Protein backbone atom coordinates (compact mmCIF):
# COMPACT_ATOMS: atom_id res chain seq x y z
CA UNK A 1 -9.05 12.41 -34.10
CA UNK A 2 -5.45 11.22 -33.05
CA UNK A 3 -4.85 14.33 -30.93
CA UNK A 4 -8.44 14.13 -29.39
CA UNK A 5 -7.42 10.52 -28.17
CA UNK A 6 -3.89 11.53 -26.78
CA UNK A 7 -5.58 14.44 -25.18
CA UNK A 8 -7.86 11.93 -23.39
CA UNK A 9 -5.40 9.59 -22.44
CA UNK A 10 -3.17 12.48 -21.08
CA UNK A 11 -6.06 13.66 -19.14
CA UNK A 12 -6.61 10.05 -17.86
CA UNK A 13 -3.07 10.08 -16.65
CA UNK A 14 -3.27 13.24 -14.76
CA UNK A 15 -6.26 12.25 -12.81
CA UNK A 16 -4.56 8.88 -12.07
CA UNK A 17 -1.50 10.70 -10.64
CA UNK A 18 -3.74 13.10 -8.69
CA UNK A 19 -5.57 10.21 -7.32
CA UNK A 20 -2.49 7.97 -6.61
CA UNK A 21 -0.69 11.12 -4.66
CA UNK A 22 -3.89 11.88 -2.87
CA UNK A 23 -4.34 8.17 -1.83
CA UNK A 24 -0.45 7.97 -0.73
CA UNK A 25 -0.91 11.21 1.40
CA UNK A 26 -4.23 9.88 3.05
CA UNK A 27 -1.92 6.35 3.90
CA UNK A 28 0.91 8.61 5.28
CA UNK A 29 -1.51 10.55 7.75
CA UNK A 30 -2.98 7.45 8.93
CA UNK A 31 0.44 6.19 9.55
CA UNK A 32 1.49 9.11 11.33
CA UNK A 33 -2.19 9.49 13.50
CA UNK A 34 -1.67 5.72 14.29
CA UNK A 35 2.00 6.10 15.71
CA UNK A 36 1.30 9.22 17.39
CA UNK A 37 -2.05 8.59 19.21
CA UNK A 38 -1.44 4.84 19.84
CA UNK A 39 2.22 3.55 19.64
CA UNK A 40 3.91 6.70 21.27
CA UNK A 41 2.08 6.98 24.52
CA UNK A 42 2.35 3.11 24.95
CA UNK A 43 5.74 2.52 23.88
CA UNK A 44 4.68 -0.15 21.39
CA UNK A 45 8.09 -0.60 19.41
CA UNK A 46 6.57 -2.43 16.65
CA UNK A 47 9.47 -2.19 14.09
CA UNK A 48 10.04 0.52 11.67
CA UNK A 49 11.62 4.03 12.19
CA UNK A 50 8.82 4.88 14.54
CA UNK A 51 9.76 1.95 16.81
CA UNK A 52 13.41 2.84 17.03
CA UNK A 53 12.46 6.34 17.56
CA UNK A 54 10.35 5.26 20.50
CA UNK A 55 13.38 3.37 21.68
CA UNK A 56 15.42 6.64 21.43
CA UNK A 57 13.03 8.27 23.64
CA UNK A 58 14.59 6.27 26.63
CA UNK A 59 17.66 8.46 26.14
CA UNK A 60 16.30 11.35 24.67
CA UNK A 61 13.01 11.87 26.77
CA UNK A 62 12.44 15.57 26.01
CA UNK A 63 12.69 15.31 22.26
CA UNK A 64 9.52 14.76 19.98
CA UNK A 65 9.36 11.27 18.46
CA UNK A 66 8.85 13.26 15.08
CA UNK A 67 12.02 15.05 15.51
CA UNK A 68 14.02 11.80 16.36
CA UNK A 69 12.47 9.92 13.29
CA UNK A 70 13.57 13.19 10.90
CA UNK A 71 17.23 12.51 12.30
CA UNK A 72 16.93 8.93 11.89
CA UNK A 73 15.56 9.10 8.41
CA UNK A 74 18.40 11.53 7.32
CA UNK A 75 20.86 9.03 8.71
CA UNK A 76 19.10 6.01 7.13
CA UNK A 77 19.01 7.88 3.59
CA UNK A 78 22.48 8.60 3.82
CA UNK A 79 23.38 5.00 4.54
CA UNK A 80 21.12 3.98 1.69
CA UNK A 81 22.94 6.35 -0.89
CA UNK A 82 26.40 4.95 0.22
CA UNK A 83 25.37 1.41 -0.10
CA UNK A 84 22.79 1.25 -2.72
CA UNK A 85 23.29 4.41 -4.65
CA UNK A 86 21.26 7.58 -4.93
CA UNK A 87 19.12 6.33 -7.66
CA UNK A 88 17.62 3.64 -5.41
CA UNK A 89 16.67 5.90 -2.50
CA UNK A 90 14.95 8.74 -4.42
CA UNK A 91 11.51 7.37 -4.10
CA UNK A 92 11.92 6.96 -0.36
CA UNK A 93 12.74 10.54 0.48
CA UNK A 94 9.16 12.04 0.24
CA UNK A 95 7.63 9.14 2.13
CA UNK A 96 10.19 9.15 4.70
CA UNK A 97 9.92 12.80 5.65
CA UNK A 98 6.47 13.17 5.32
CA UNK A 99 5.60 10.45 7.96
CA UNK A 100 8.05 11.86 10.41
CA UNK A 101 7.05 15.52 9.49
CA UNK A 102 3.22 14.63 9.93
CA UNK A 103 4.02 12.78 13.28
CA UNK A 104 5.87 16.02 14.52
CA UNK A 105 3.27 18.34 13.32
CA UNK A 106 0.60 15.97 15.24
CA UNK A 107 2.80 16.06 18.68
CA UNK A 108 2.51 20.00 18.52
CA UNK A 109 -1.17 20.19 17.42
CA UNK A 110 -2.30 17.62 19.81
CA UNK A 111 0.25 16.43 22.34
CA UNK A 112 -0.42 13.31 24.36
CA UNK A 113 1.32 12.65 27.70
CA UNK A 114 -0.49 9.66 28.50
CA UNK A 115 -2.26 6.78 26.47
CA UNK A 116 -5.83 7.66 25.55
CA UNK A 117 -7.57 4.77 27.30
CA UNK A 118 -6.65 2.25 30.21
CA UNK A 119 -7.42 -0.65 27.85
CA UNK A 120 -3.69 -1.42 26.60
CA UNK A 121 -4.65 -4.44 24.48
CA UNK A 122 -6.99 -2.57 22.49
CA UNK A 123 -4.90 0.42 21.82
CA UNK A 124 -2.26 -2.11 20.55
CA UNK A 125 -5.00 -3.18 18.04
CA UNK A 126 -5.35 0.58 16.93
CA UNK A 127 -1.82 1.15 16.79
CA UNK A 128 -1.15 -1.90 14.27
CA UNK A 129 -4.46 -1.52 12.19
CA UNK A 130 -4.50 2.27 11.32
CA UNK A 131 -0.63 2.59 10.56
CA UNK A 132 -1.01 -0.97 8.58
CA UNK A 133 -3.98 0.33 6.66
CA UNK A 134 -2.09 3.56 5.98
CA UNK A 135 1.14 1.63 4.91
CA UNK A 136 -0.88 -0.66 2.59
CA UNK A 137 -2.70 2.55 1.03
CA UNK A 138 1.10 3.98 0.46
CA UNK A 139 2.38 0.92 -1.32
CA UNK A 140 -0.71 0.52 -3.45
CA UNK A 141 -0.38 3.89 -4.71
CA UNK A 142 3.48 3.27 -5.81
CA UNK A 143 4.79 5.23 -2.61
CA UNK A 144 6.97 3.94 0.28
CA UNK A 145 7.02 4.96 3.91
CA UNK A 146 11.23 4.48 3.58
CA UNK A 147 12.76 4.20 6.76
CA UNK A 148 13.74 0.47 7.73
CA UNK A 149 12.80 -0.69 4.11
CA UNK A 150 16.26 1.01 3.00
CA UNK A 151 18.14 -0.92 6.01
CA UNK A 152 16.40 -4.11 4.83
CA UNK A 153 17.74 -3.37 1.29
CA UNK A 154 21.04 -2.91 2.52
CA UNK A 155 20.79 -6.38 4.49
CA UNK A 156 19.69 -8.00 1.45
CA UNK A 157 22.50 -6.62 -0.71
CA UNK A 158 25.23 -7.36 1.85
CA UNK A 159 23.93 -10.89 3.03
CA UNK A 160 21.78 -12.05 0.34
CA UNK A 161 18.95 -12.01 2.50
CA UNK A 162 15.30 -12.09 1.05
CA UNK A 163 13.86 -8.72 1.65
CA UNK A 164 10.76 -9.93 3.58
CA UNK A 165 13.01 -11.88 5.75
CA UNK A 166 15.20 -8.88 6.47
CA UNK A 167 12.11 -6.62 7.37
CA UNK A 168 10.93 -9.23 9.63
CA UNK A 169 14.39 -9.56 11.22
CA UNK A 170 14.41 -5.83 11.86
CA UNK A 171 11.09 -5.39 13.38
CA UNK A 172 11.51 -8.35 15.65
CA UNK A 173 15.02 -6.75 16.99
CA UNK A 174 13.48 -3.34 17.51
CA UNK A 175 10.52 -5.29 19.55
CA UNK A 176 13.07 -7.17 21.73
CA UNK A 177 15.18 -3.94 22.34
CA UNK A 178 11.65 -2.55 23.83
CA UNK A 179 12.02 -5.29 26.46
CA UNK A 180 15.34 -4.21 27.19
CA UNK A 181 14.55 -0.63 27.85
CA UNK A 182 10.81 -0.55 28.89
CA UNK A 183 10.37 -4.05 30.52
CA UNK A 184 8.58 -7.44 29.43
CA UNK A 185 5.26 -6.09 28.93
CA UNK A 186 6.31 -3.59 26.45
CA UNK A 187 8.50 -6.16 24.66
CA UNK A 188 5.67 -9.01 24.36
CA UNK A 189 3.01 -6.02 23.35
CA UNK A 190 5.69 -4.99 20.46
CA UNK A 191 6.29 -8.50 19.30
CA UNK A 192 2.52 -8.97 19.03
CA UNK A 193 2.11 -5.99 17.27
CA UNK A 194 4.68 -6.83 14.80
CA UNK A 195 2.98 -10.13 14.17
CA UNK A 196 -0.31 -8.68 13.77
CA UNK A 197 1.08 -6.38 11.48
CA UNK A 198 2.71 -8.84 8.76
CA UNK A 199 -0.64 -10.62 8.92
CA UNK A 200 -2.56 -7.09 8.30
CA UNK A 201 -0.56 -5.85 5.57
CA UNK A 202 -0.83 -9.00 3.40
CA UNK A 203 -4.29 -8.99 3.76
CA UNK A 204 -4.92 -5.39 2.79
CA UNK A 205 -2.69 -5.21 0.14
CA UNK A 206 -3.90 -8.29 -1.57
CA UNK A 207 -7.59 -7.08 -1.10
CA UNK A 208 -6.36 -3.63 -2.72
CA UNK A 209 -4.84 -5.56 -5.57
CA UNK A 210 -7.84 -7.60 -6.68
CA UNK A 211 -8.82 -7.19 -10.28
CA UNK A 212 -11.65 -8.67 -11.96
CA UNK A 213 -11.09 -10.89 -15.08
CA UNK A 214 -14.21 -10.74 -17.01
CA UNK A 215 -15.25 -13.13 -20.06
CA UNK A 216 -18.14 -11.86 -21.90
CA UNK A 217 -20.24 -13.70 -24.69
CA UNK A 218 -22.89 -11.46 -26.24
CA UNK A 219 -24.61 -10.66 -29.38
CA UNK A 220 -23.80 -7.00 -28.73
CA UNK A 221 -19.77 -7.31 -28.64
CA UNK A 222 -19.30 -4.25 -30.45
CA UNK A 223 -21.13 -2.03 -28.43
CA UNK A 224 -19.45 -3.63 -25.37
CA UNK A 225 -16.08 -3.21 -27.08
CA UNK A 226 -16.52 0.23 -27.48
CA UNK A 227 -17.75 0.99 -24.08
CA UNK A 228 -14.73 -0.97 -22.41
CA UNK A 229 -12.35 1.02 -24.71
CA UNK A 230 -13.83 4.53 -24.82
CA UNK A 231 -15.72 4.94 -21.50
CA UNK A 232 -13.78 2.49 -19.08
CA UNK A 233 -10.36 3.32 -20.75
CA UNK A 234 -9.38 -0.35 -20.57
CA UNK A 235 -8.33 -2.86 -23.35
CA UNK A 236 -9.77 -6.04 -24.30
CA UNK A 237 -8.94 -9.42 -26.20
CA UNK A 238 -11.47 -10.45 -28.73
CA UNK A 239 -11.47 -14.02 -30.36
CA UNK A 240 -14.22 -16.12 -31.97
CA UNK A 241 -15.36 -19.21 -30.66
CA UNK A 242 -18.24 -21.70 -31.28
CA UNK A 243 -21.17 -23.04 -29.15
CA UNK A 244 -20.89 -26.65 -28.39
CA UNK A 245 -24.58 -27.47 -28.70
CA UNK A 246 -25.44 -24.56 -31.42
CA UNK A 247 -22.01 -24.82 -33.29
CA UNK A 248 -22.95 -21.14 -33.97
CA UNK A 249 -19.30 -18.66 -34.22
CA UNK A 250 -19.60 -16.21 -31.18
CA UNK A 251 -17.33 -13.23 -30.24
CA UNK A 252 -15.76 -13.69 -26.79
CA UNK A 253 -14.40 -10.53 -25.04
CA UNK A 254 -11.84 -11.04 -22.29
CA UNK A 255 -10.86 -7.82 -20.19
CA UNK A 256 -9.27 -7.18 -16.75
CA UNK A 257 -10.75 -4.49 -14.71
CA UNK A 258 -10.84 -3.09 -11.27
CA UNK A 259 -13.91 -3.59 -9.11
CA UNK A 260 -15.46 -0.33 -9.76
CA UNK A 261 -14.93 -0.65 -13.74
CA UNK A 262 -16.53 -4.21 -13.47
CA UNK A 263 -19.30 -2.80 -11.71
CA UNK A 264 -20.16 -0.29 -14.16
CA UNK A 265 -19.40 -2.90 -17.13
CA UNK A 266 -21.99 -5.44 -15.57
CA UNK A 267 -24.47 -2.76 -15.17
CA UNK A 268 -24.00 -1.59 -19.04
CA UNK A 269 -24.20 -5.15 -20.13
CA UNK A 270 -27.17 -5.65 -18.14
CA UNK A 271 -29.02 -2.75 -20.00
CA UNK A 272 -27.56 -3.44 -23.43
CA UNK A 273 -27.91 -7.10 -23.60
CA UNK A 274 -29.63 -8.91 -20.78
CA UNK A 275 -29.02 -12.61 -22.11
CA UNK A 276 -25.15 -11.98 -22.36
CA UNK A 277 -23.21 -14.59 -20.63
CA UNK A 278 -20.49 -13.46 -18.22
CA UNK A 279 -17.87 -15.32 -15.97
CA UNK A 280 -15.79 -13.09 -13.66
CA UNK A 281 -12.74 -14.20 -11.73
CA UNK A 282 -10.19 -12.46 -9.29
CA UNK A 283 -6.69 -11.99 -9.69
CA UNK A 284 -4.27 -10.39 -7.23
CA UNK A 285 -1.48 -9.82 -9.71
CA UNK A 286 -1.67 -8.45 -13.42
CA UNK A 287 1.38 -7.83 -15.10
CA UNK A 288 1.43 -5.76 -18.32
CA UNK A 289 0.91 -2.44 -19.86
CA UNK A 290 -1.85 -0.08 -17.58
CA UNK A 291 -1.06 -2.48 -14.57
CA UNK A 292 2.36 -2.40 -14.03
CA UNK A 293 5.66 -4.49 -14.79
CA UNK A 294 8.01 -6.91 -13.27
CA UNK A 295 9.64 -5.87 -9.80
């Protein structure tokens, strides 16, 4: 029995790892596509290593942005190893080179010499939303796109700045430099892109992290508990309470689930006990076993 439970847990962990890796790589592709198709042709230097690489095309016009990103990432990772230690940058290596490598590949497969359309503002929107959603997917699945994140960590350690403030400062400096190299229009679009990116990332990450806290009162609490633990593979807390009017003892189940699991549980309870009483609330931060720890 114990071996069967362990095998089921191991299988669940493997599925979760594959799902997270697939989600992270989908996010990396979206970041790369958004940078290649919309940022590069319009010179939108909206922060990040991609923004620095776009600035460098002013001096190295014949080099692909992807190759410049690879070179910059190598330099930044080296600085990170010196100032932060090798262990702290290990998780940045894959994301850093996967994004730059994907952009380099896209430049070979579908080279773009000019913007796709003549609607510059519309392209700015796409240049923010596609990579922004991709970055949120990467972060949500436990990855990172590396790059200027490492520079921000160095600034945080050296000058005791908040990480979010350091990232914002770097992005605005890159956007301002676009004005010096490519003109005021590029600068204004880049600054607007940075502002949009900040709001988008916060919004997408918050929605991706929403969990459902369900409190259930049912005559079939044992059946519901079994479904939560065995089918949904989640935990639950059960305590005894009594009704204020009937004064009858009742078992109250409290569980935390993602959106898909919450929907499945609602459907199960509706079938098993239509008279059950359920309250559902949202939470954007759950800390504990199965959800994550303190950062």
